[in-house]
């Protein structure tokens, strides 16, 4: 489901809860609006607000950490690709075909990621990448090193290729991770009930309504950020593949 649609639904739930509280304010019996009753409701709302704030903070922190980790993994792929290209260069003319194949594989991945669907389109095709990597592995291991230095470089190239494969599969699995929808529904319910409490003992006026709008926008914006950071390969906060594009432009030089 689109992050924008979910954010709008959260805003409607929170603001609707505030309006429901304002509606109930004028219909509560007088003995329900006594100081003792207000104190109890305020205590309960304070408890709900504390729990909701803790959960929101935890979700934002977790989503931001996951986003940064996946961004770092994309940058790590770019570094390993550059190192692999230079290792193949040091293997000499016998590794020329392997180097050209590496360039073709990276170019195909970048082209796929540049099409509609972004990086997600490339991430969702792990088998194609595995077949290409297997062919590249065969080409690299088929090279006959001339001395110990080239044998070391060949081993390093194989190691880098394995690390690239591991990171690629990790990205593929992380792309399938998603926030728990029952968890999100419970959080939105807490927020809606919290806004009901905000409006329950407030008199209806423009200032109160404006405050409810700003509060609903804030919590819906927080949910939007959480969902977007949990989808780093689609949406408005896509992870950039510029590091890989830059490495691709330097391959073969």
Protein backbone atom coordinates (compact mmCIF):
# COMPACT_ATOMS: atom_id res chain seq x y z
CA UNK A 1 0.00 0.00 0.00
CA UNK A 2 1.23 3.50 -0.82
CA UNK A 3 2.89 5.40 2.03
CA UNK A 4 0.92 8.53 1.04
CA UNK A 5 -2.42 6.68 1.30
CA UNK A 6 -1.48 5.25 4.70
CA UNK A 7 -0.38 8.69 5.93
CA UNK A 8 -3.69 10.21 4.77
CA UNK A 9 -5.59 7.42 6.57
CA UNK A 10 -3.59 8.11 9.75
CA UNK A 11 -4.31 11.83 9.48
CA UNK A 12 -8.03 11.13 9.00
CA UNK A 13 -8.07 8.77 11.99
CA UNK A 14 -6.27 11.19 14.30
CA UNK A 15 -8.12 14.33 13.23
CA UNK A 16 -11.40 12.43 13.14
CA UNK A 17 -10.75 11.30 16.70
CA UNK A 18 -10.18 14.91 17.73
CA UNK A 19 -13.44 16.00 16.08
CA UNK A 20 -15.26 13.12 17.76
CA UNK A 21 -13.94 14.33 21.11
CA UNK A 22 -15.18 17.87 20.39
CA UNK A 23 -18.57 16.44 19.40
CA UNK A 24 -18.82 14.43 22.63
CA UNK A 25 -17.76 17.43 24.73
CA UNK A 26 -21.12 19.15 24.42
CA UNK A 27 -23.07 15.94 25.01
CA UNK A 28 -21.42 14.68 28.15
CA UNK A 29 -23.59 14.82 31.28
CA UNK A 30 -22.47 17.49 33.70
CA UNK A 31 -21.26 14.97 36.31
CA UNK A 32 -18.89 13.50 33.69
CA UNK A 33 -17.18 16.85 33.36
CA UNK A 34 -16.27 17.22 37.00
CA UNK A 35 -12.67 17.79 38.02
CA UNK A 36 -12.21 14.20 39.26
CA UNK A 37 -13.38 12.77 35.94
CA UNK A 38 -11.13 15.12 33.97
CA UNK A 39 -8.13 14.13 36.09
CA UNK A 40 -8.68 10.43 35.44
CA UNK A 41 -9.08 10.97 31.69
CA UNK A 42 -5.94 13.13 31.61
CA UNK A 43 -3.96 10.42 33.43
CA UNK A 44 -5.13 7.77 30.98
CA UNK A 45 -4.38 10.03 28.01
CA UNK A 46 -0.94 10.74 29.45
CA UNK A 47 -0.29 6.99 29.67
CA UNK A 48 -1.46 6.43 26.08
CA UNK A 49 0.58 9.42 24.86
CA UNK A 50 3.73 8.09 26.56
CA UNK A 51 3.33 4.60 25.09
CA UNK A 52 2.53 5.98 21.61
CA UNK A 53 5.52 8.35 21.74
CA UNK A 54 7.85 5.53 22.77
CA UNK A 55 6.59 3.26 19.98
CA UNK A 56 6.81 6.04 17.37
CA UNK A 57 10.35 6.86 18.46
CA UNK A 58 11.33 3.19 18.34
CA UNK A 59 9.86 2.74 14.85
CA UNK A 60 11.54 5.89 13.49
CA UNK A 61 14.89 4.88 14.98
CA UNK A 62 14.63 1.32 13.65
CA UNK A 63 13.54 2.44 10.17
CA UNK A 64 16.30 5.06 9.97
CA UNK A 65 18.94 2.57 11.06
CA UNK A 66 17.78 0.01 8.47
CA UNK A 67 17.76 2.71 5.77
CA UNK A 68 21.31 3.80 6.58
CA UNK A 69 22.53 0.18 6.68
CA UNK A 70 21.14 -0.54 3.23
CA UNK A 71 22.57 2.71 1.89
CA UNK A 72 25.97 1.69 3.26
CA UNK A 73 25.61 -1.73 1.60
CA UNK A 74 25.02 -0.09 -1.79
CA UNK A 75 28.15 2.01 -1.25
CA UNK A 76 30.04 -1.11 -0.21
CA UNK A 77 29.00 -2.83 -3.44
CA UNK A 78 30.43 0.10 -5.39
CA UNK A 79 33.76 -0.14 -3.52
CA UNK A 80 34.01 -3.90 -4.06
CA UNK A 81 33.17 -3.54 -7.74
CA UNK A 82 35.99 -1.03 -8.17
CA UNK A 83 38.41 -3.28 -6.30
CA UNK A 84 37.36 -6.31 -8.38
CA UNK A 85 37.84 -4.40 -11.62
CA UNK A 86 41.35 -3.36 -10.57
CA UNK A 87 42.18 -6.91 -9.47
CA UNK A 88 41.16 -8.25 -12.87
CA UNK A 89 43.31 -5.57 -14.48
CA UNK A 90 46.34 -6.83 -12.54
CA UNK A 91 45.71 -10.38 -13.77
CA UNK A 92 46.79 -9.24 -17.21
CA UNK A 93 45.49 -9.96 -20.73
CA UNK A 94 44.10 -13.38 -19.76
CA UNK A 95 41.50 -11.65 -17.55
CA UNK A 96 40.38 -9.21 -20.25
CA UNK A 97 37.22 -11.23 -21.00
CA UNK A 98 36.40 -11.45 -17.28
CA UNK A 99 36.78 -7.70 -16.93
CA UNK A 100 34.52 -7.07 -19.93
CA UNK A 101 31.94 -9.49 -18.50
CA UNK A 102 32.02 -7.68 -15.14
CA UNK A 103 31.41 -4.37 -16.91
CA UNK A 104 28.48 -5.88 -18.85
CA UNK A 105 26.93 -7.34 -15.67
CA UNK A 106 27.17 -4.04 -13.77
CA UNK A 107 25.82 -2.08 -16.75
CA UNK A 108 22.84 -4.44 -17.04
CA UNK A 109 22.10 -4.05 -13.32
CA UNK A 110 22.33 -0.26 -13.50
CA UNK A 111 20.10 -0.16 -16.60
CA UNK A 112 17.55 -2.37 -14.88
CA UNK A 113 17.60 -0.18 -11.78
CA UNK A 114 17.13 2.93 -13.95
CA UNK A 115 13.88 1.65 -15.44
CA UNK A 116 10.43 2.04 -13.88
CA UNK A 117 10.52 0.45 -10.47
CA UNK A 118 13.95 1.74 -9.51
CA UNK A 119 16.45 -0.41 -7.63
CA UNK A 120 13.61 -2.70 -6.55
CA UNK A 121 13.41 -4.01 -10.12
CA UNK A 122 17.05 -5.04 -9.97
CA UNK A 123 16.85 -6.38 -6.42
CA UNK A 124 13.89 -8.59 -7.35
CA UNK A 125 15.95 -10.50 -9.92
CA UNK A 126 18.49 -12.38 -7.76
CA UNK A 127 18.61 -15.48 -9.96
CA UNK A 128 19.74 -13.51 -13.01
CA UNK A 129 22.54 -11.96 -10.95
CA UNK A 130 23.55 -15.38 -9.57
CA UNK A 131 23.82 -16.90 -13.05
CA UNK A 132 25.93 -13.98 -14.27
CA UNK A 133 28.14 -14.18 -11.17
CA UNK A 134 28.61 -17.95 -11.67
CA UNK A 135 29.80 -17.35 -15.24
CA UNK A 136 32.17 -14.61 -14.07
CA UNK A 137 33.51 -16.94 -11.36
CA UNK A 138 34.29 -19.59 -13.99
CA UNK A 139 36.09 -17.02 -16.14
CA UNK A 140 38.20 -15.73 -13.23
CA UNK A 141 39.20 -19.19 -11.97
CA UNK A 142 40.10 -20.24 -15.53
CA UNK A 143 42.87 -17.62 -15.64
CA UNK A 144 46.35 -19.15 -15.22
CA UNK A 145 48.38 -16.88 -12.90
CA UNK A 146 51.98 -16.33 -13.97
CA UNK A 147 53.44 -15.91 -10.48
CA UNK A 148 52.63 -15.77 -6.78
CA UNK A 149 51.54 -12.13 -7.03
CA UNK A 150 48.94 -12.96 -9.66
CA UNK A 151 47.79 -16.00 -7.65
CA UNK A 152 47.19 -13.69 -4.70
CA UNK A 153 45.30 -11.23 -6.92
CA UNK A 154 43.20 -14.05 -8.37
CA UNK A 155 42.28 -15.27 -4.88
CA UNK A 156 41.38 -11.71 -3.92
CA UNK A 157 39.19 -11.35 -7.01
CA UNK A 158 37.32 -14.55 -6.13
CA UNK A 159 36.90 -13.32 -2.55
CA UNK A 160 35.54 -9.96 -3.74
CA UNK A 161 33.10 -11.71 -6.06
CA UNK A 162 31.84 -13.81 -3.15
CA UNK A 163 31.43 -10.72 -0.97
CA UNK A 164 29.48 -9.00 -3.75
CA UNK A 165 27.19 -12.01 -4.03
CA UNK A 166 26.58 -12.08 -0.27
CA UNK A 167 25.76 -8.35 -0.16
CA UNK A 168 23.51 -8.68 -3.21
CA UNK A 169 21.50 -11.50 -1.57
CA UNK A 170 21.33 -9.53 1.69
CA UNK A 171 19.85 -6.55 -0.16
CA UNK A 172 17.33 -8.87 -1.81
CA UNK A 173 16.16 -10.22 1.56
CA UNK A 174 16.08 -6.79 3.19
CA UNK A 175 13.95 -5.46 0.34
CA UNK A 176 11.24 -7.95 1.32
CA UNK A 177 11.18 -6.84 4.94
CA UNK A 178 8.17 -4.72 5.88
CA UNK A 179 6.63 -3.14 8.92
CA UNK A 180 4.08 -5.26 10.77
CA UNK A 181 0.63 -4.04 9.74
CA UNK A 182 -1.16 -5.28 12.92
CA UNK A 183 1.45 -3.35 14.91
CA UNK A 184 0.77 -0.23 12.84
CA UNK A 185 -3.01 -0.61 13.20
CA UNK A 186 -2.70 -0.79 17.00
CA UNK A 187 -0.50 2.32 16.98
CA UNK A 188 -3.00 4.25 14.85
CA UNK A 189 -5.78 3.16 17.22
CA UNK A 190 -3.81 4.56 20.17
CA UNK A 191 -3.30 7.83 18.32
CA UNK A 192 -6.99 8.11 17.42
CA UNK A 193 -8.03 7.50 21.05
CA UNK A 194 -5.45 10.03 22.19
CA UNK A 195 -6.96 12.69 19.92
CA UNK A 196 -10.43 11.82 21.21
CA UNK A 197 -9.11 12.63 24.67
CA UNK A 198 -7.62 15.90 23.42
CA UNK A 199 -10.98 17.06 22.13
CA UNK A 200 -13.12 15.63 24.89
CA UNK A 201 -12.69 18.47 27.37
CA UNK A 202 -11.88 21.28 24.94
CA UNK A 203 -14.32 23.90 23.71
CA UNK A 204 -14.78 23.99 19.97
CA UNK A 205 -13.04 26.97 18.37
CA UNK A 206 -10.64 27.70 15.52
CA UNK A 207 -7.55 27.50 17.73
CA UNK A 208 -8.43 24.03 19.02
CA UNK A 209 -9.26 22.75 15.52
CA UNK A 210 -5.99 24.17 14.16
CA UNK A 211 -4.05 22.49 16.98
CA UNK A 212 -5.74 19.17 16.19
CA UNK A 213 -4.87 19.56 12.49
CA UNK A 214 -1.21 20.26 13.29
CA UNK A 215 -1.04 17.34 15.69
CA UNK A 216 -2.65 14.97 13.16
CA UNK A 217 -0.26 16.19 10.45
CA UNK A 218 2.70 15.55 12.74
CA UNK A 219 1.82 11.95 13.59
CA UNK A 220 0.79 11.13 9.99
CA UNK A 221 4.09 12.63 8.79
CA UNK A 222 5.97 10.42 11.24
CA UNK A 223 4.16 7.31 9.95
CA UNK A 224 4.92 8.41 6.37
CA UNK A 225 8.64 8.68 7.13
CA UNK A 226 8.65 5.26 8.81
CA UNK A 227 7.01 3.60 5.80
CA UNK A 228 9.25 5.38 3.29
CA UNK A 229 12.45 4.41 5.12
CA UNK A 230 11.21 0.82 5.24
CA UNK A 231 10.96 0.92 1.42
CA UNK A 232 14.36 2.31 0.43
CA UNK A 233 14.16 1.04 -3.16
CA UNK A 234 10.78 2.57 -4.05
CA UNK A 235 8.89 5.74 -3.24
CA UNK A 236 10.17 9.22 -2.54
CA UNK A 237 13.24 8.30 -0.46
CA UNK A 238 14.98 5.86 -2.77
CA UNK A 239 18.58 4.98 -2.05
CA UNK A 240 20.80 6.45 -4.75
CA UNK A 241 22.86 4.14 -6.98
CA UNK A 242 25.17 6.99 -7.99
CA UNK A 243 28.19 5.30 -6.30
CA UNK A 244 27.69 2.29 -8.60
CA UNK A 245 27.18 4.53 -11.65
CA UNK A 246 30.41 6.33 -10.81
CA UNK A 247 32.33 3.05 -10.54
CA UNK A 248 30.80 1.85 -13.81
CA UNK A 249 32.11 4.99 -15.53
CA UNK A 250 35.62 4.20 -14.25
CA UNK A 251 35.66 0.52 -15.18
CA UNK A 252 38.03 -0.42 -17.96
CA UNK A 253 40.12 2.73 -17.58
